[in-house]
Amino acid sequence: MAVPKKKTSKSRKNMRRAHDFLTPPNVSTCPQCKAPKLPHRACPSCGMYKGKEIIKADDL
């Protein structure tokens, strides 16, 4: 069974984990209503995507 010869220091352990953080989601603005929305998704406030109404305004 493999056992480390030396104890891994806190610094080395944290350097290994440096890329394991969460990244915030990218937020773009809707060109029609200027509300924040996730990219490549229909706008939750007006229902438009790529200039077309995907979700009816009555359903929102």
Protein backbone atom coordinates (compact mmCIF):
# COMPACT_ATOMS: atom_id res chain seq x y z
CA MET A 1 0.00 0.00 0.00
CA ALA A 2 1.40 3.41 -0.96
CA VAL A 3 2.15 5.68 1.97
CA PRO A 4 3.69 9.17 1.67
CA LYS A 5 7.20 9.50 3.11
CA LYS A 6 6.66 13.07 4.30
CA LYS A 7 3.65 15.02 5.54
CA THR A 8 2.07 17.28 2.90
CA SER A 9 2.34 20.86 4.12
CA LYS A 10 -0.65 23.20 4.30
CA SER A 11 0.89 25.38 1.60
CA ARG A 12 1.37 22.50 -0.84
CA LYS A 13 -2.09 21.13 -0.10
CA ASN A 14 -3.69 24.53 -0.73
CA MET A 15 -1.68 25.03 -3.94
CA ARG A 16 -3.05 21.73 -5.23
CA ARG A 17 -6.59 22.86 -4.44
CA ALA A 18 -6.14 26.34 -5.96
CA HIS A 19 -8.25 25.52 -9.05
CA ASP A 20 -11.11 23.85 -7.16
CA PHE A 21 -13.02 27.08 -6.53
CA LEU A 22 -16.46 27.97 -7.90
CA THR A 23 -16.77 30.48 -10.71
CA PRO A 24 -19.71 32.90 -10.84
CA PRO A 25 -22.09 32.46 -13.80
CA ASN A 26 -21.61 34.75 -16.79
CA VAL A 27 -24.49 37.18 -17.05
CA SER A 28 -25.33 39.03 -20.25
CA THR A 29 -28.02 41.61 -20.92
CA CYS A 30 -31.11 41.05 -23.03
CA PRO A 31 -30.98 43.23 -26.17
CA GLN A 32 -34.76 43.88 -26.05
CA CYS A 33 -35.51 44.64 -22.39
CA LYS A 34 -31.94 45.08 -21.01
CA ALA A 35 -32.65 42.64 -18.15
CA PRO A 36 -29.84 40.34 -16.97
CA LYS A 37 -30.00 36.82 -18.40
CA LEU A 38 -27.80 33.78 -18.81
CA PRO A 39 -26.16 33.46 -22.24
CA HIS A 40 -27.72 31.07 -24.81
CA ARG A 41 -31.03 31.03 -22.92
CA ALA A 42 -34.35 32.79 -23.36
CA CYS A 43 -34.79 35.99 -21.35
CA PRO A 44 -36.82 35.25 -18.19
CA SER A 45 -38.47 38.68 -18.19
CA CYS A 46 -39.55 39.15 -21.83
CA GLY A 47 -39.24 35.60 -23.28
CA MET A 48 -37.14 36.61 -26.30
CA TYR A 49 -34.21 34.62 -27.72
CA LYS A 50 -32.24 35.70 -30.81
CA GLY A 51 -34.92 38.23 -31.74
CA LYS A 52 -37.79 35.72 -31.59
CA GLU A 53 -40.45 35.33 -28.91
CA ILE A 54 -39.87 31.85 -27.49
CA ILE A 55 -41.95 32.15 -24.32
CA LYS A 56 -45.24 34.03 -24.59
CA ALA A 57 -45.53 37.13 -22.41
CA ASP A 58 -48.82 35.75 -21.01
CA ASP A 59 -46.98 32.70 -19.59
CA LEU A 60 -44.46 34.84 -17.71
